[in-house]
Protein backbone atom coordinates (compact mmCIF):
# COMPACT_ATOMS: atom_id res chain seq x y z
CA MET A 1 -40.51 -11.20 -39.64
CA SER A 2 -38.88 -8.02 -40.85
CA THR A 3 -35.17 -7.19 -41.02
CA LEU A 4 -35.14 -4.53 -38.25
CA LYS A 5 -36.81 -7.05 -35.86
CA GLN A 6 -34.18 -9.91 -36.92
CA LEU A 7 -31.55 -7.12 -36.27
CA LYS A 8 -32.89 -6.50 -32.92
CA ILE A 9 -33.05 -10.09 -31.93
CA CYS A 10 -29.53 -10.63 -32.92
CA ILE A 11 -28.16 -7.47 -30.94
CA VAL A 12 -29.85 -8.68 -27.97
CA THR A 13 -28.79 -12.24 -28.29
CA LEU A 14 -25.22 -10.84 -28.82
CA VAL A 15 -25.22 -8.50 -25.83
CA LEU A 16 -26.71 -11.80 -23.58
CA THR A 17 -24.00 -13.86 -24.59
CA LEU A 18 -21.18 -11.41 -24.13
CA LEU A 19 -22.61 -10.50 -20.50
CA SER A 20 -22.66 -14.37 -19.78
CA ASN A 21 -19.35 -14.76 -20.76
CA VAL A 22 -18.08 -11.62 -18.89
CA ALA A 23 -20.11 -12.79 -15.53
CA GLN A 24 -18.57 -16.53 -15.99
CA ALA A 25 -14.97 -15.31 -16.70
CA GLN A 26 -15.07 -13.03 -13.40
CA ILE A 27 -16.39 -16.03 -11.42
CA THR A 28 -13.75 -18.64 -12.58
CA ASN A 29 -10.55 -16.37 -12.53
CA ASP A 30 -11.41 -14.24 -9.51
CA ILE A 31 -10.19 -14.59 -5.98
CA SER A 32 -12.71 -15.77 -3.42
CA HIS A 33 -12.91 -13.86 -0.06
CA ASN A 34 -11.41 -16.96 1.64
CA GLU A 35 -8.41 -16.87 -0.58
CA ALA A 36 -8.11 -13.26 -0.24
CA PHE A 37 -7.97 -13.70 3.67
CA LYS A 38 -5.51 -16.61 3.42
CA ALA A 39 -3.02 -14.22 1.35
CA LEU A 40 -3.71 -11.46 3.59
CA LEU A 41 -2.89 -13.38 6.71
CA ALA A 42 -0.12 -15.21 5.23
CA ALA A 43 1.57 -11.53 4.54
CA LYS A 44 0.64 -10.33 8.05
CA LYS A 45 2.34 -13.25 9.64
CA ASN A 46 5.49 -12.84 7.32
CA ALA A 47 5.42 -9.10 8.47
CA GLU A 48 4.97 -9.83 12.32
CA GLU A 49 7.79 -12.46 12.09
CA SER A 50 10.13 -9.96 10.32
CA ASN A 51 9.29 -7.23 12.69
CA VAL A 52 7.86 -4.71 10.31
CA LEU A 53 4.72 -2.91 10.37
CA VAL A 54 2.84 -2.76 7.13
CA ASN A 55 -0.51 -2.01 5.52
CA ILE A 56 -1.61 -5.19 3.33
CA ALA A 57 -4.20 -5.01 0.51
CA VAL A 58 -5.64 -7.78 -1.64
CA VAL A 59 -7.55 -6.94 -4.72
CA ASP A 60 -9.56 -9.24 -7.05
CA ALA A 61 -9.08 -9.85 -10.78
CA GLY A 62 -11.14 -6.83 -11.46
CA ALA A 63 -8.73 -4.76 -9.32
CA ASN A 64 -11.36 -4.05 -6.77
CA LEU A 65 -10.24 -4.16 -2.92
CA LYS A 66 -11.21 -7.58 -1.50
CA ALA A 67 -9.21 -7.34 1.60
CA PHE A 68 -7.30 -5.01 3.92
CA VAL A 69 -5.43 -4.78 7.18
CA ARG A 70 -3.45 -1.93 8.85
CA MET A 71 -1.19 -3.29 11.35
CA ASP A 72 -1.24 -1.26 14.47
CA GLU A 73 1.22 1.85 14.59
CA SER A 74 1.85 1.36 10.81
CA TYR A 75 2.18 4.52 8.65
CA LEU A 76 -1.14 6.11 7.61
CA GLY A 77 0.38 7.13 4.18
CA SER A 78 0.95 3.55 3.24
CA ILE A 79 -2.49 2.56 3.37
CA ASP A 80 -3.13 4.19 -0.17
CA VAL A 81 0.51 3.01 -1.38
CA ALA A 82 -0.33 -0.78 -0.61
CA ILE A 83 -3.75 -0.47 -2.27
CA LYS A 84 -2.17 1.12 -5.12
CA LYS A 85 0.59 -1.39 -5.28
CA ALA A 86 -2.12 -4.23 -5.67
CA LYS A 87 -4.13 -2.69 -8.13
CA THR A 88 -0.84 -1.54 -10.30
CA ALA A 89 0.06 -5.52 -10.06
CA ARG A 90 -3.26 -6.25 -11.32
CA TYR A 91 -3.74 -3.65 -14.02
CA PHE A 92 -0.46 -4.95 -15.82
CA ASN A 93 -0.09 -8.43 -14.19
CA ILE A 94 3.57 -7.92 -13.04
CA ASP A 95 5.70 -7.45 -9.82
CA THR A 96 5.31 -3.73 -9.61
CA GLY A 97 9.33 -3.94 -8.74
CA LYS A 98 9.82 -5.06 -12.40
CA LEU A 99 7.21 -2.35 -13.49
CA GLY A 100 9.25 -0.02 -11.89
CA GLU A 101 12.40 -0.98 -13.84
CA LEU A 102 10.57 0.37 -17.26
CA THR A 103 9.20 3.47 -15.89
CA GLN A 104 12.53 5.04 -15.21
CA PRO A 105 13.59 8.03 -17.40
CA GLY A 106 14.41 6.79 -20.99
CA GLY A 107 12.43 3.67 -20.09
CA ILE A 108 9.82 2.29 -22.62
CA ILE A 109 6.86 3.29 -20.45
CA TYR A 110 8.47 6.48 -18.49
CA ASN A 111 5.70 8.27 -16.75
CA ILE A 112 2.99 5.79 -16.76
CA GLU A 113 2.50 6.04 -13.09
CA LEU A 114 0.60 9.15 -13.92
CA THR A 115 -2.31 7.02 -15.22
CA ASN A 116 -5.24 5.25 -13.70
CA GLN A 117 -5.66 7.67 -10.86
CA GLY A 118 -1.91 7.06 -10.19
CA LEU A 119 0.34 3.69 -10.25
CA VAL A 120 3.04 2.81 -7.75
CA SER A 121 6.08 1.39 -9.74
CA PHE A 122 8.55 0.37 -6.90
CA PRO A 123 8.39 -3.24 -5.29
CA GLY A 124 5.47 -4.38 -2.85
CA GLY A 125 2.81 -5.39 -5.44
CA ILE A 126 2.65 -8.95 -6.94
CA PRO A 127 -0.13 -10.72 -8.77
CA ILE A 128 -1.55 -13.56 -7.37
CA LYS A 129 -1.92 -16.79 -9.34
CA ASN A 130 -4.06 -19.88 -8.61
CA LYS A 131 -2.87 -23.51 -8.94
CA ASP A 132 -3.63 -23.33 -12.71
CA GLY A 133 -1.28 -20.39 -12.91
CA LYS A 134 -4.36 -17.93 -13.85
CA ILE A 135 -4.09 -14.27 -12.19
CA ILE A 136 -7.04 -14.18 -9.92
CA GLY A 137 -5.98 -10.85 -8.15
CA ALA A 138 -3.10 -9.08 -6.48
CA ILE A 139 -1.75 -8.14 -3.14
CA GLY A 140 0.07 -5.03 -2.35
CA VAL A 141 2.23 -4.03 0.81
CA SER A 142 3.66 -1.03 2.00
CA GLY A 143 5.28 0.18 5.29
CA GLY A 144 8.74 -1.59 5.37
CA THR A 145 11.46 -1.04 2.86
CA ILE A 146 10.80 -1.96 -0.74
CA GLU A 147 12.83 -5.17 -0.20
CA GLN A 148 10.64 -6.13 2.90
CA ASP A 149 7.29 -5.20 1.27
CA ARG A 150 8.30 -7.24 -1.65
CA ALA A 151 8.88 -10.19 0.48
CA ILE A 152 5.78 -9.97 2.55
CA ALA A 153 3.72 -9.60 -0.48
CA ILE A 154 5.41 -12.23 -2.08
CA ALA A 155 4.64 -14.62 0.98
CA GLY A 156 1.04 -13.81 0.46
CA ALA A 157 0.79 -14.33 -3.15
CA LYS A 158 2.48 -17.94 -2.51
CA SER A 159 0.07 -18.95 0.14
CA ILE A 160 -2.59 -19.30 -2.31
CA ILE A 161 -0.74 -21.87 -4.53
CA ASP A 162 0.78 -23.74 -1.37
């Protein structure tokens, strides 16, 4: 067998191995649709109990939108904010409020919110972890005060491990 043919076989084998590992990683560490709806509904219940009208977004491990609800009469502008809070929390695996502390003028990552087609660096985005502590997605809430948004998001994220 020629060296070129052996090299091609090695490359194909390597690519297939990498793809199978990526596919497996996506499956084992990704939020299911049932979990996404559970988080969404827990957050919505908390918002209703707090008498706050919000938009709630849940993204999967790849930061892709998995579930969303816009409560009646919630702010239209909060739709995009909720989605971006969830994506930001997943992109950096951090509470967006904590990220915001680092993005202030003079902070170590000042202006990072200008990256990734726009990030949100104030409270309301929380990574979602499974019972093993692995991040499987994130939730973003927008429409209330930042304290309300954060509390509602935490209620949704915690529902997965409760």
